[in-house]
Amino acid sequence: MGGFWPVADVLEHLAGQWRVERTVRDLTSGDEGLFRGITVFGPLEGGGLLHEESGTFTWQGVPRPAERTLRFLPGAAPGTADVRFADGRPFHELDLTTGRYVAEHPCAADLYRAEFTVRDADHWRTVWRVGGPDKDLVLSTDYARVG
């Protein structure tokens, strides 16, 4: 890859619908799962975006419906986002002005560390590394704009 694609305003950039493909690898067991679905970043009352993801997650050969909801609120600096769980708890900041951002989220005994990269106007990726006493996971997600 020849570098990153800078994003002036993360909320403006993410608005719309994205195809999602995520691999989940358990580095301890060697098990691997696959999520395929759609993420919609729609307007949130009061400003920001509501991130709604739905699709099918297949783990150990068993497909199951899966979904999650996040809130992407305007961040402290112009063009950035304050990402929160559906219930409003803080998740992480997001600043894609350089096309790349590293975020961390401590969760009980686990640490979630992500790298966000933007390839171009229609493609971006996240790679989460999750480590803790009972977890050693890598979640790689590719997003491609729909339409």
C-alpha atoms as a PDB file:
ATOM      1  CA  MET A   1       0.000   0.000   0.000  1.00  0.00           C
ATOM      2  CA  GLY A   2       1.365   3.378  -0.964  1.00  0.00           C
ATOM      3  CA  GLY A   3       0.414   5.316   2.143  1.00  0.00           C
ATOM      4  CA  PHE A   4      -2.790   6.457   3.742  1.00  0.00           C
ATOM      5  CA  TRP A   5      -5.655   8.591   2.488  1.00  0.00           C
ATOM      6  CA  PRO A   6      -6.263  11.641   4.741  1.00  0.00           C
ATOM      7  CA  VAL A   7      -9.844  12.342   5.840  1.00  0.00           C
ATOM      8  CA  ALA A   8     -10.701  15.958   6.694  1.00  0.00           C
ATOM      9  CA  ASP A   9     -13.942  15.098   8.540  1.00  0.00           C
ATOM     10  CA  VAL A  10     -14.422  11.536   9.817  1.00  0.00           C
ATOM     11  CA  LEU A  11     -18.198  11.869  10.304  1.00  0.00           C
ATOM     12  CA  GLU A  12     -18.739  13.240   6.810  1.00  0.00           C
ATOM     13  CA  HIS A  13     -16.507  10.518   5.360  1.00  0.00           C
ATOM     14  CA  LEU A  14     -18.207   7.594   7.129  1.00  0.00           C
ATOM     15  CA  ALA A  15     -21.814   8.654   6.452  1.00  0.00           C
ATOM     16  CA  GLY A  16     -23.643   6.118   4.301  1.00  0.00           C
ATOM     17  CA  GLN A  17     -23.591   2.369   3.795  1.00  0.00           C
ATOM     18  CA  TRP A  18     -20.561   0.037   3.788  1.00  0.00           C
ATOM     19  CA  ARG A  19     -20.051  -3.659   2.989  1.00  0.00           C
ATOM     20  CA  VAL A  20     -18.172  -5.306   5.852  1.00  0.00           C
ATOM     21  CA  GLU A  21     -15.980  -8.392   5.986  1.00  0.00           C
ATOM     22  CA  ARG A  22     -14.292  -9.241   9.292  1.00  0.00           C
ATOM     23  CA  THR A  23     -12.036 -12.136  10.163  1.00  0.00           C
ATOM     24  CA  VAL A  24     -11.665 -13.099  13.812  1.00  0.00           C
ATOM     25  CA  ARG A  25      -8.617 -15.184  14.706  1.00  0.00           C
ATOM     26  CA  ASP A  26      -8.077 -16.777  18.106  1.00  0.00           C
ATOM     27  CA  LEU A  27      -4.289 -16.924  18.324  1.00  0.00           C
ATOM     28  CA  THR A  28      -4.414 -19.421  21.203  1.00  0.00           C
ATOM     29  CA  SER A  29      -6.701 -22.059  19.660  1.00  0.00           C
ATOM     30  CA  GLY A  30      -6.101 -21.270  15.997  1.00  0.00           C
ATOM     31  CA  ASP A  31      -9.864 -20.978  15.424  1.00  0.00           C
ATOM     32  CA  GLU A  32     -11.011 -18.468  12.818  1.00  0.00           C
ATOM     33  CA  GLY A  33     -14.398 -16.896  12.204  1.00  0.00           C
ATOM     34  CA  LEU A  34     -15.858 -14.693   9.491  1.00  0.00           C
ATOM     35  CA  PHE A  35     -18.440 -11.901   9.683  1.00  0.00           C
ATOM     36  CA  ARG A  36     -20.062 -10.586   6.507  1.00  0.00           C
ATOM     37  CA  GLY A  37     -22.642  -7.844   6.518  1.00  0.00           C
ATOM     38  CA  ILE A  38     -23.518  -4.185   6.147  1.00  0.00           C
ATOM     39  CA  THR A  39     -22.754  -1.157   8.299  1.00  0.00           C
ATOM     40  CA  VAL A  40     -24.933   1.921   7.997  1.00  0.00           C
ATOM     41  CA  PHE A  41     -23.727   5.261   9.388  1.00  0.00           C
ATOM     42  CA  GLY A  42     -26.940   7.285   9.587  1.00  0.00           C
ATOM     43  CA  PRO A  43     -27.703  10.697  11.104  1.00  0.00           C
ATOM     44  CA  LEU A  44     -28.014  10.812  14.878  1.00  0.00           C
ATOM     45  CA  GLU A  45     -30.419  13.276  16.467  1.00  0.00           C
ATOM     46  CA  GLY A  46     -28.360  16.058  18.031  1.00  0.00           C
ATOM     47  CA  GLY A  47     -25.377  15.507  15.716  1.00  0.00           C
ATOM     48  CA  GLY A  48     -23.082  12.652  14.851  1.00  0.00           C
ATOM     49  CA  LEU A  49     -23.775   9.255  13.322  1.00  0.00           C
ATOM     50  CA  LEU A  50     -25.507   6.096  14.472  1.00  0.00           C
ATOM     51  CA  HIS A  51     -23.409   3.070  13.392  1.00  0.00           C
ATOM     52  CA  GLU A  52     -25.636   0.019  12.869  1.00  0.00           C
ATOM     53  CA  GLU A  53     -23.956  -3.192  11.745  1.00  0.00           C
ATOM     54  CA  SER A  54     -25.763  -6.417  10.872  1.00  0.00           C
ATOM     55  CA  GLY A  55     -24.854  -9.625   9.123  1.00  0.00           C
ATOM     56  CA  THR A  56     -23.828 -13.226   9.663  1.00  0.00           C
ATOM     57  CA  PHE A  57     -20.953 -14.395  11.843  1.00  0.00           C
ATOM     58  CA  THR A  58     -19.680 -17.915  11.188  1.00  0.00           C
ATOM     59  CA  TRP A  59     -17.626 -19.495  13.977  1.00  0.00           C
ATOM     60  CA  GLN A  60     -16.485 -23.126  13.957  1.00  0.00           C
ATOM     61  CA  GLY A  61     -18.727 -23.736  10.939  1.00  0.00           C
ATOM     62  CA  VAL A  62     -21.882 -22.406  12.602  1.00  0.00           C
ATOM     63  CA  PRO A  63     -23.466 -19.269  11.048  1.00  0.00           C
ATOM     64  CA  ARG A  64     -25.349 -16.927  13.387  1.00  0.00           C
ATOM     65  CA  PRO A  65     -26.970 -13.526  12.943  1.00  0.00           C
ATOM     66  CA  ALA A  66     -24.851 -10.755  14.484  1.00  0.00           C
ATOM     67  CA  GLU A  67     -25.330  -7.034  15.017  1.00  0.00           C
ATOM     68  CA  ARG A  68     -23.908  -4.112  16.943  1.00  0.00           C
ATOM     69  CA  THR A  69     -24.650  -0.441  17.387  1.00  0.00           C
ATOM     70  CA  LEU A  70     -22.231   2.396  18.158  1.00  0.00           C
ATOM     71  CA  ARG A  71     -22.548   6.182  18.343  1.00  0.00           C
ATOM     72  CA  PHE A  72     -20.021   8.366  16.516  1.00  0.00           C
ATOM     73  CA  LEU A  73     -20.295  11.842  18.066  1.00  0.00           C
ATOM     74  CA  PRO A  74     -18.397  14.993  17.074  1.00  0.00           C
ATOM     75  CA  GLY A  75     -14.942  14.836  18.690  1.00  0.00           C
ATOM     76  CA  ALA A  76     -13.016  17.431  20.685  1.00  0.00           C
ATOM     77  CA  ALA A  77     -11.094  18.610  17.600  1.00  0.00           C
ATOM     78  CA  PRO A  78     -12.755  19.543  14.288  1.00  0.00           C
ATOM     79  CA  GLY A  79     -13.159  16.581  11.944  1.00  0.00           C
ATOM     80  CA  THR A  80     -12.687  13.941  14.668  1.00  0.00           C
ATOM     81  CA  ALA A  81     -15.145  11.582  16.374  1.00  0.00           C
ATOM     82  CA  ASP A  82     -15.866  10.447  19.909  1.00  0.00           C
ATOM     83  CA  VAL A  83     -16.956   6.813  19.508  1.00  0.00           C
ATOM     84  CA  ARG A  84     -19.335   5.461  22.143  1.00  0.00           C
ATOM     85  CA  PHE A  85     -21.153   2.231  22.804  1.00  0.00           C
ATOM     86  CA  ALA A  86     -24.912   2.174  22.172  1.00  0.00           C
ATOM     87  CA  ASP A  87     -25.558   2.882  25.881  1.00  0.00           C
ATOM     88  CA  GLY A  88     -23.327   5.995  25.787  1.00  0.00           C
ATOM     89  CA  ARG A  89     -20.233   4.569  27.519  1.00  0.00           C
ATOM     90  CA  PRO A  90     -16.957   5.856  26.004  1.00  0.00           C
ATOM     91  CA  PHE A  91     -15.197   3.519  23.543  1.00  0.00           C
ATOM     92  CA  HIS A  92     -12.418   5.485  21.812  1.00  0.00           C
ATOM     93  CA  GLU A  93     -11.530   8.651  19.915  1.00  0.00           C
ATOM     94  CA  LEU A  94     -11.103   8.601  16.129  1.00  0.00           C
ATOM     95  CA  ASP A  95      -9.008  11.040  14.102  1.00  0.00           C
ATOM     96  CA  LEU A  96      -8.386  10.118  10.458  1.00  0.00           C
ATOM     97  CA  THR A  97      -6.862  13.438   9.333  1.00  0.00           C
ATOM     98  CA  THR A  98      -3.635  11.584   8.433  1.00  0.00           C
ATOM     99  CA  GLY A  99      -5.506   8.525   7.117  1.00  0.00           C
ATOM    100  CA  ARG A 100      -4.285   6.428  10.064  1.00  0.00           C
ATOM    101  CA  TYR A 101      -5.157   6.315  13.760  1.00  0.00           C
ATOM    102  CA  VAL A 102      -4.334   4.057  16.714  1.00  0.00           C
ATOM    103  CA  ALA A 103      -6.873   3.727  19.540  1.00  0.00           C
ATOM    104  CA  GLU A 104      -6.947   1.787  22.799  1.00  0.00           C
ATOM    105  CA  HIS A 105      -9.814   0.668  24.998  1.00  0.00           C
ATOM    106  CA  PRO A 106      -9.231  -1.039  28.349  1.00  0.00           C
ATOM    107  CA  CYS A 107     -12.084  -3.442  29.193  1.00  0.00           C
ATOM    108  CA  ALA A 108     -11.853  -5.153  32.592  1.00  0.00           C
ATOM    109  CA  ALA A 109      -8.656  -7.268  32.422  1.00  0.00           C
ATOM    110  CA  ASP A 110      -8.435  -6.999  28.614  1.00  0.00           C
ATOM    111  CA  LEU A 111      -6.853  -4.369  26.383  1.00  0.00           C
ATOM    112  CA  TYR A 112      -8.297  -3.640  22.949  1.00  0.00           C
ATOM    113  CA  ARG A 113      -5.870  -1.856  20.610  1.00  0.00           C
ATOM    114  CA  ALA A 114      -6.903  -0.822  17.097  1.00  0.00           C
ATOM    115  CA  GLU A 115      -5.281   0.574  14.007  1.00  0.00           C
ATOM    116  CA  PHE A 116      -7.603   2.385  11.599  1.00  0.00           C
ATOM    117  CA  THR A 117      -6.341   2.986   8.056  1.00  0.00           C
ATOM    118  CA  VAL A 118      -8.007   4.642   5.076  1.00  0.00           C
ATOM    119  CA  ARG A 119      -6.949   3.434   1.605  1.00  0.00           C
ATOM    120  CA  ASP A 120      -9.101   5.771  -0.486  1.00  0.00           C
ATOM    121  CA  ALA A 121     -12.528   7.444  -0.541  1.00  0.00           C
ATOM    122  CA  ASP A 122     -14.313   4.078  -0.632  1.00  0.00           C
ATOM    123  CA  HIS A 123     -12.138   1.665   1.399  1.00  0.00           C
ATOM    124  CA  TRP A 124     -10.931   1.602   4.994  1.00  0.00           C
ATOM    125  CA  ARG A 125      -9.815  -1.018   7.489  1.00  0.00           C
ATOM    126  CA  THR A 126      -9.587  -1.661  11.206  1.00  0.00           C
ATOM    127  CA  VAL A 127      -7.382  -4.220  12.909  1.00  0.00           C
ATOM    128  CA  TRP A 128      -8.148  -4.822  16.587  1.00  0.00           C
ATOM    129  CA  ARG A 129      -5.729  -6.776  18.755  1.00  0.00           C
ATOM    130  CA  VAL A 130      -7.376  -8.032  21.947  1.00  0.00           C
ATOM    131  CA  GLY A 131      -5.205  -9.304  24.756  1.00  0.00           C
ATOM    132  CA  GLY A 132      -5.939 -10.376  28.293  1.00  0.00           C
ATOM    133  CA  PRO A 133      -5.822 -13.303  30.668  1.00  0.00           C
ATOM    134  CA  ASP A 134      -8.320 -15.305  28.583  1.00  0.00           C
ATOM    135  CA  LYS A 135      -8.111 -13.574  25.197  1.00  0.00           C
ATOM    136  CA  ASP A 136      -5.582 -13.413  22.396  1.00  0.00           C
ATOM    137  CA  LEU A 137      -7.526 -12.290  19.325  1.00  0.00           C
ATOM    138  CA  VAL A 138      -7.011 -10.389  16.083  1.00  0.00           C
ATOM    139  CA  LEU A 139     -10.090  -8.900  14.398  1.00  0.00           C
ATOM    140  CA  SER A 140      -9.454  -7.518  10.898  1.00  0.00           C
ATOM    141  CA  THR A 141     -12.312  -5.643   9.223  1.00  0.00           C
ATOM    142  CA  ASP A 142     -12.449  -4.302   5.680  1.00  0.00           C
ATOM    143  CA  TYR A 143     -15.081  -1.734   4.699  1.00  0.00           C
ATOM    144  CA  ALA A 144     -16.107  -0.937   1.106  1.00  0.00           C
ATOM    145  CA  ARG A 145     -18.572   1.854   0.364  1.00  0.00           C
ATOM    146  CA  VAL A 146     -21.897   0.785  -1.161  1.00  0.00           C
ATOM    147  CA  GLY A 147     -23.093   2.942  -4.065  1.00  0.00           C
END
